[in-house]
Amino acid sequence: EVHLLGLVDLLLLNTDRHEGNILKRGGGGAGLVPIDHGLCLPSLVCEGEEPRTSVLGGLGFAWQGWRQADRPFSASLRRTAESLTRERVEAMADAVADELGDGLPAGALTALKMGAAVVRLGVG
């Protein structure tokens, strides 16, 4: 569950993953529930501007220091991460944009592509 949470946070370049944004399920369905995705897919490029790297420099995740994060990825999660090709990411973004109706915010597709590249590198 920690690896899956990490994969999602990296894919979406979530700039606000702290322990207050992770709920722990109890009982038989024990696990992690990420909440508050308001700072995902930050705009890295604004029209007429140079790419902003300061957003990436501030990334930090609550799960980075957890011992489970140091364990090897499962084969299934590794395959999932490796499947995040540019074409698949663009198709996912198109599907989300269609569902939203207004499309994705400016720069969100760029952030999603960068997140996918980070994920693929991280499991390689």
N, C-alpha and C. Protein backbone atom coordinates (compact mmCIF):
# COMPACT_ATOMS: atom_id res chain seq x y z
N GLU A 1 0.82 -1.19 0.00
CA GLU A 1 0.00 0.00 0.00
C GLU A 1 0.86 1.25 0.00
N VAL A 2 1.98 1.22 0.68
CA VAL A 2 2.88 2.39 0.69
C VAL A 2 3.42 2.63 -0.71
N HIS A 3 3.81 1.58 -1.40
CA HIS A 3 4.32 1.74 -2.77
C HIS A 3 3.24 2.26 -3.70
N LEU A 4 2.02 1.78 -3.58
CA LEU A 4 0.93 2.25 -4.42
C LEU A 4 0.65 3.73 -4.15
N LEU A 5 0.63 4.10 -2.89
CA LEU A 5 0.45 5.51 -2.52
C LEU A 5 1.57 6.35 -3.13
N GLY A 6 2.80 5.86 -3.03
CA GLY A 6 3.93 6.57 -3.60
C GLY A 6 3.83 6.70 -5.11
N LEU A 7 3.42 5.63 -5.77
CA LEU A 7 3.27 5.67 -7.22
C LEU A 7 2.26 6.74 -7.62
N VAL A 8 1.12 6.79 -6.94
CA VAL A 8 0.09 7.78 -7.26
C VAL A 8 0.60 9.19 -6.98
N ASP A 9 1.26 9.40 -5.85
CA ASP A 9 1.78 10.73 -5.52
C ASP A 9 2.81 11.19 -6.53
N LEU A 10 3.69 10.31 -6.95
CA LEU A 10 4.71 10.68 -7.93
C LEU A 10 4.09 10.92 -9.30
N LEU A 11 3.15 10.09 -9.69
CA LEU A 11 2.49 10.26 -10.97
C LEU A 11 1.79 11.62 -11.04
N LEU A 12 1.11 12.00 -9.97
CA LEU A 12 0.36 13.25 -9.95
C LEU A 12 1.17 14.43 -9.43
N LEU A 13 2.46 14.19 -9.13
CA LEU A 13 3.32 15.23 -8.55
C LEU A 13 2.60 15.96 -7.41
N ASN A 14 2.06 15.18 -6.50
CA ASN A 14 1.32 15.72 -5.36
C ASN A 14 2.28 16.50 -4.47
N THR A 15 2.08 17.80 -4.36
CA THR A 15 2.99 18.63 -3.58
C THR A 15 2.52 18.82 -2.14
N ASP A 16 1.53 18.03 -1.71
CA ASP A 16 0.97 18.21 -0.37
C ASP A 16 0.68 16.89 0.32
N ARG A 17 1.56 15.90 0.19
CA ARG A 17 1.31 14.61 0.84
C ARG A 17 2.02 14.58 2.20
N HIS A 18 1.27 14.96 3.21
CA HIS A 18 1.78 14.86 4.58
C HIS A 18 0.88 13.89 5.34
N GLU A 19 1.26 13.57 6.56
CA GLU A 19 0.54 12.53 7.30
C GLU A 19 -0.92 12.89 7.57
N GLY A 20 -1.25 14.17 7.56
CA GLY A 20 -2.64 14.58 7.74
C GLY A 20 -3.50 14.30 6.53
N ASN A 21 -2.87 13.97 5.40
CA ASN A 21 -3.60 13.67 4.17
C ASN A 21 -3.59 12.18 3.84
N ILE A 22 -3.34 11.36 4.86
CA ILE A 22 -3.38 9.91 4.69
C ILE A 22 -4.21 9.35 5.84
N LEU A 23 -5.32 8.73 5.50
CA LEU A 23 -6.14 8.08 6.51
C LEU A 23 -5.76 6.61 6.57
N LYS A 24 -5.92 6.03 7.74
CA LYS A 24 -5.65 4.61 7.91
C LYS A 24 -6.98 3.91 8.16
N ARG A 25 -7.29 2.94 7.27
CA ARG A 25 -8.51 2.14 7.44
C ARG A 25 -8.28 1.17 8.58
N GLY A 26 -9.32 0.88 9.30
CA GLY A 26 -9.23 -0.10 10.38
C GLY A 26 -9.98 -1.36 10.03
N GLY A 27 -9.96 -2.29 10.96
CA GLY A 27 -10.70 -3.54 10.78
C GLY A 27 -10.08 -4.44 9.74
N GLY A 28 -10.94 -5.25 9.10
CA GLY A 28 -10.49 -6.22 8.12
C GLY A 28 -9.96 -5.59 6.84
N GLY A 29 -10.33 -4.34 6.58
CA GLY A 29 -9.88 -3.67 5.36
C GLY A 29 -8.74 -2.71 5.63
N ALA A 30 -7.83 -3.11 6.53
CA ALA A 30 -6.74 -2.22 6.90
C ALA A 30 -5.96 -1.77 5.68
N GLY A 31 -5.58 -0.51 5.67
CA GLY A 31 -4.82 0.02 4.56
C GLY A 31 -4.76 1.54 4.62
N LEU A 32 -4.25 2.14 3.59
CA LEU A 32 -4.07 3.58 3.52
C LEU A 32 -5.07 4.20 2.55
N VAL A 33 -5.59 5.36 2.91
CA VAL A 33 -6.52 6.08 2.05
C VAL A 33 -5.98 7.50 1.87
N PRO A 34 -5.44 7.81 0.69
CA PRO A 34 -4.97 9.18 0.47
C PRO A 34 -6.15 10.12 0.27
N ILE A 35 -6.10 11.29 0.91
CA ILE A 35 -7.14 12.30 0.74
C ILE A 35 -6.49 13.62 0.36
N ASP A 36 -7.29 14.58 -0.02
CA ASP A 36 -6.87 15.94 -0.33
C ASP A 36 -5.86 15.96 -1.49
N HIS A 37 -6.38 15.94 -2.68
CA HIS A 37 -5.55 15.96 -3.88
C HIS A 37 -5.56 17.33 -4.55
N GLY A 38 -5.84 18.36 -3.77
CA GLY A 38 -5.95 19.70 -4.32
C GLY A 38 -4.67 20.28 -4.89
N LEU A 39 -3.53 19.75 -4.49
CA LEU A 39 -2.26 20.27 -4.98
C LEU A 39 -1.55 19.27 -5.88
N CYS A 40 -2.33 18.49 -6.62
CA CYS A 40 -1.78 17.56 -7.60
C CYS A 40 -1.68 18.25 -8.96
N LEU A 41 -0.83 17.71 -9.81
CA LEU A 41 -0.62 18.22 -11.16
C LEU A 41 -0.40 19.72 -11.17
N PRO A 42 0.62 20.17 -10.44
CA PRO A 42 0.87 21.61 -10.40
C PRO A 42 1.27 22.13 -11.78
N SER A 43 0.91 23.35 -12.05
CA SER A 43 1.28 23.95 -13.33
C SER A 43 2.78 24.21 -13.32
N LEU A 44 3.49 23.55 -14.20
CA LEU A 44 4.93 23.72 -14.29
C LEU A 44 5.32 24.69 -15.39
N VAL A 45 4.41 24.89 -16.32
CA VAL A 45 4.67 25.78 -17.44
C VAL A 45 3.45 26.66 -17.64
N CYS A 46 3.65 27.96 -17.56
CA CYS A 46 2.58 28.91 -17.85
C CYS A 46 2.87 29.55 -19.19
N GLU A 47 1.83 29.89 -19.89
CA GLU A 47 1.99 30.44 -21.23
C GLU A 47 2.95 31.63 -21.21
N GLY A 48 3.97 31.56 -22.06
CA GLY A 48 4.93 32.66 -22.18
C GLY A 48 6.01 32.68 -21.11
N GLU A 49 6.06 31.65 -20.25
CA GLU A 49 7.06 31.61 -19.19
C GLU A 49 7.97 30.40 -19.37
N GLU A 50 9.11 30.46 -18.71
CA GLU A 50 10.01 29.32 -18.65
C GLU A 50 9.44 28.30 -17.66
N PRO A 51 9.79 27.01 -17.81
CA PRO A 51 9.34 26.00 -16.84
C PRO A 51 9.77 26.37 -15.42
N ARG A 52 8.87 26.12 -14.47
CA ARG A 52 9.16 26.43 -13.07
C ARG A 52 9.65 25.18 -12.36
N THR A 53 10.89 25.18 -11.97
CA THR A 53 11.45 24.01 -11.29
C THR A 53 11.29 24.12 -9.78
N SER A 54 10.92 25.30 -9.26
CA SER A 54 10.79 25.44 -7.82
C SER A 54 9.70 24.54 -7.26
N VAL A 55 8.68 24.23 -8.06
CA VAL A 55 7.61 23.33 -7.62
C VAL A 55 8.19 21.95 -7.32
N LEU A 56 9.03 21.46 -8.22
CA LEU A 56 9.61 20.14 -8.05
C LEU A 56 10.60 20.09 -6.91
N GLY A 57 11.31 21.18 -6.68
CA GLY A 57 12.29 21.22 -5.60
C GLY A 57 11.65 21.09 -4.23
N GLY A 58 10.37 21.42 -4.12
CA GLY A 58 9.68 21.36 -2.84
C GLY A 58 8.95 20.06 -2.58
N LEU A 59 9.07 19.09 -3.49
CA LEU A 59 8.35 17.83 -3.29
C LEU A 59 8.92 17.07 -2.09
N GLY A 60 8.04 16.61 -1.28
CA GLY A 60 8.39 15.78 -0.13
C GLY A 60 7.16 15.00 0.27
N PHE A 61 7.33 13.78 0.67
CA PHE A 61 6.19 12.92 0.94
C PHE A 61 6.34 12.28 2.32
N ALA A 62 5.23 12.20 3.04
CA ALA A 62 5.24 11.61 4.38
C ALA A 62 5.78 10.19 4.36
N TRP A 63 5.49 9.45 3.31
CA TRP A 63 5.84 8.02 3.24
C TRP A 63 7.32 7.79 2.94
N GLN A 64 8.07 8.81 2.56
CA GLN A 64 9.48 8.63 2.19
C GLN A 64 10.31 8.01 3.31
N GLY A 65 10.01 8.33 4.53
CA GLY A 65 10.79 7.81 5.64
C GLY A 65 10.26 6.52 6.24
N TRP A 66 9.17 6.01 5.73
CA TRP A 66 8.59 4.79 6.27
C TRP A 66 9.40 3.59 5.80
N ARG A 67 9.59 2.62 6.69
CA ARG A 67 10.43 1.46 6.35
C ARG A 67 9.87 0.66 5.18
N GLN A 68 8.54 0.67 5.02
CA GLN A 68 7.93 -0.08 3.92
C GLN A 68 8.34 0.51 2.57
N ALA A 69 8.64 1.79 2.53
CA ALA A 69 9.02 2.44 1.26
C ALA A 69 10.36 1.92 0.75
N ASP A 70 11.18 1.36 1.64
CA ASP A 70 12.49 0.85 1.23
C ASP A 70 12.45 -0.58 0.69
N ARG A 71 11.31 -1.22 0.81
CA ARG A 71 11.20 -2.60 0.31
C ARG A 71 11.10 -2.61 -1.22
N PRO A 72 11.50 -3.70 -1.85
CA PRO A 72 11.39 -3.78 -3.32
C PRO A 72 9.94 -3.73 -3.78
N PHE A 73 9.73 -3.17 -4.97
CA PHE A 73 8.40 -3.14 -5.56
C PHE A 73 7.96 -4.55 -5.93
N SER A 74 6.66 -4.80 -5.83
CA SER A 74 6.13 -6.08 -6.29
C SER A 74 6.20 -6.11 -7.81
N ALA A 75 6.19 -7.29 -8.38
CA ALA A 75 6.23 -7.44 -9.84
C ALA A 75 5.02 -6.76 -10.47
N SER A 76 3.86 -6.86 -9.84
CA SER A 76 2.64 -6.27 -10.36
C SER A 76 2.74 -4.73 -10.41
N LEU A 77 3.22 -4.14 -9.34
CA LEU A 77 3.34 -2.69 -9.30
C LEU A 77 4.42 -2.21 -10.27
N ARG A 78 5.47 -2.99 -10.40
CA ARG A 78 6.53 -2.66 -11.37
C ARG A 78 5.96 -2.64 -12.80
N ARG A 79 5.14 -3.64 -13.13
CA ARG A 79 4.52 -3.68 -14.47
C ARG A 79 3.60 -2.48 -14.68
N THR A 80 2.84 -2.15 -13.65
CA THR A 80 1.94 -0.98 -13.75
C THR A 80 2.74 0.28 -14.03
N ALA A 81 3.81 0.49 -13.28
CA ALA A 81 4.63 1.68 -13.47
C ALA A 81 5.26 1.71 -14.86
N GLU A 82 5.75 0.58 -15.30
CA GLU A 82 6.39 0.51 -16.61
C GLU A 82 5.40 0.72 -17.76
N SER A 83 4.11 0.50 -17.49
CA SER A 83 3.10 0.65 -18.54
C SER A 83 2.69 2.11 -18.76
N LEU A 84 3.20 3.01 -17.96
CA LEU A 84 2.81 4.41 -18.07
C LEU A 84 3.58 5.11 -19.19
N THR A 85 3.31 4.70 -20.40
CA THR A 85 3.95 5.29 -21.56
C THR A 85 3.34 6.66 -21.84
N ARG A 86 4.03 7.42 -22.66
CA ARG A 86 3.52 8.76 -23.02
C ARG A 86 2.11 8.64 -23.62
N GLU A 87 1.90 7.67 -24.50
CA GLU A 87 0.60 7.50 -25.13
C GLU A 87 -0.49 7.17 -24.10
N ARG A 88 -0.16 6.29 -23.18
CA ARG A 88 -1.15 5.90 -22.17
C ARG A 88 -1.47 7.07 -21.25
N VAL A 89 -0.46 7.82 -20.87
CA VAL A 89 -0.67 8.99 -20.01
C VAL A 89 -1.54 10.03 -20.72
N GLU A 90 -1.26 10.27 -21.99
CA GLU A 90 -2.07 11.23 -22.75
C GLU A 90 -3.51 10.76 -22.87
N ALA A 91 -3.73 9.45 -23.06
CA ALA A 91 -5.08 8.92 -23.14
C ALA A 91 -5.80 9.07 -21.80
N MET A 92 -5.09 8.83 -20.69
CA MET A 92 -5.68 9.01 -19.36
C MET A 92 -6.06 10.47 -19.16
N ALA A 93 -5.17 11.39 -19.55
CA ALA A 93 -5.43 12.82 -19.40
C ALA A 93 -6.64 13.24 -20.24
N ASP A 94 -6.74 12.71 -21.46
CA ASP A 94 -7.88 13.03 -22.32
C ASP A 94 -9.19 12.55 -21.68
N ALA A 95 -9.16 11.36 -21.09
CA ALA A 95 -10.36 10.82 -20.45
C ALA A 95 -10.78 11.68 -19.27
N VAL A 96 -9.82 12.12 -18.47
CA VAL A 96 -10.13 12.99 -17.33
C VAL A 96 -10.66 14.34 -17.82
N ALA A 97 -10.02 14.90 -18.84
CA ALA A 97 -10.45 16.18 -19.39
C ALA A 97 -11.88 16.10 -19.91
N ASP A 98 -12.20 14.99 -20.58
CA ASP A 98 -13.57 14.80 -21.08
C ASP A 98 -14.57 14.73 -19.93
N GLU A 99 -14.17 14.04 -18.86
CA GLU A 99 -15.06 13.91 -17.71
C GLU A 99 -15.27 15.25 -17.01
N LEU A 100 -14.21 16.07 -16.94
CA LEU A 100 -14.32 17.37 -16.30
C LEU A 100 -15.13 18.36 -17.14
N GLY A 101 -15.12 18.17 -18.44
CA GLY A 101 -15.85 19.05 -19.32
C GLY A 101 -15.08 20.30 -19.71
N ASP A 102 -14.36 20.88 -18.78
CA ASP A 102 -13.59 22.10 -19.05
C ASP A 102 -12.15 21.79 -19.44
N GLY A 103 -11.78 20.53 -19.43
CA GLY A 103 -10.40 20.17 -19.73
C GLY A 103 -9.53 20.27 -18.49
N LEU A 104 -8.27 19.95 -18.67
CA LEU A 104 -7.32 20.01 -17.57
C LEU A 104 -6.78 21.43 -17.41
N PRO A 105 -6.40 21.79 -16.19
CA PRO A 105 -5.78 23.11 -16.00
C PRO A 105 -4.50 23.24 -16.82
N ALA A 106 -4.13 24.47 -17.13
CA ALA A 106 -2.92 24.72 -17.91
C ALA A 106 -1.72 24.06 -17.25
N GLY A 107 -0.94 23.37 -18.03
CA GLY A 107 0.28 22.74 -17.53
C GLY A 107 0.08 21.39 -16.87
N ALA A 108 -1.17 20.97 -16.66
CA ALA A 108 -1.41 19.70 -15.96
C ALA A 108 -0.92 18.51 -16.77
N LEU A 109 -1.09 18.53 -18.07
CA LEU A 109 -0.62 17.41 -18.89
C LEU A 109 0.90 17.31 -18.83
N THR A 110 1.58 18.44 -18.84
CA THR A 110 3.04 18.45 -18.70
C THR A 110 3.44 17.83 -17.37
N ALA A 111 2.76 18.22 -16.30
CA ALA A 111 3.05 17.66 -14.98
C ALA A 111 2.80 16.16 -14.95
N LEU A 112 1.72 15.71 -15.58
CA LEU A 112 1.39 14.29 -15.60
C LEU A 112 2.45 13.50 -16.37
N LYS A 113 2.90 14.02 -17.49
CA LYS A 113 3.96 13.35 -18.26
C LYS A 113 5.25 13.28 -17.45
N MET A 114 5.57 14.36 -16.74
CA MET A 114 6.79 14.34 -15.92
C MET A 114 6.64 13.35 -14.78
N GLY A 115 5.47 13.31 -14.16
CA GLY A 115 5.23 12.35 -13.08
C GLY A 115 5.37 10.92 -13.56
N ALA A 116 4.84 10.63 -14.74
CA ALA A 116 4.94 9.28 -15.30
C ALA A 116 6.40 8.92 -15.57
N ALA A 117 7.17 9.87 -16.06
CA ALA A 117 8.59 9.60 -16.31
C ALA A 117 9.31 9.32 -14.99
N VAL A 118 8.98 10.06 -13.94
CA VAL A 118 9.61 9.82 -12.63
C VAL A 118 9.25 8.44 -12.12
N VAL A 119 7.99 8.04 -12.27
CA VAL A 119 7.55 6.72 -11.82
C VAL A 119 8.31 5.63 -12.57
N ARG A 120 8.39 5.75 -13.91
CA ARG A 120 9.08 4.72 -14.70
C ARG A 120 10.55 4.63 -14.30
N LEU A 121 11.19 5.76 -14.07
CA LEU A 121 12.60 5.75 -13.65
C LEU A 121 12.76 5.14 -12.27
N GLY A 122 11.80 5.41 -11.40
CA GLY A 122 11.90 4.94 -10.02
C GLY A 122 11.83 3.44 -9.87
N VAL A 123 11.16 2.77 -10.78
CA VAL A 123 11.03 1.32 -10.66
C VAL A 123 11.99 0.59 -11.60
N GLY A 124 12.67 1.35 -12.45
CA GLY A 124 13.58 0.73 -13.41
C GLY A 124 14.86 0.24 -12.81
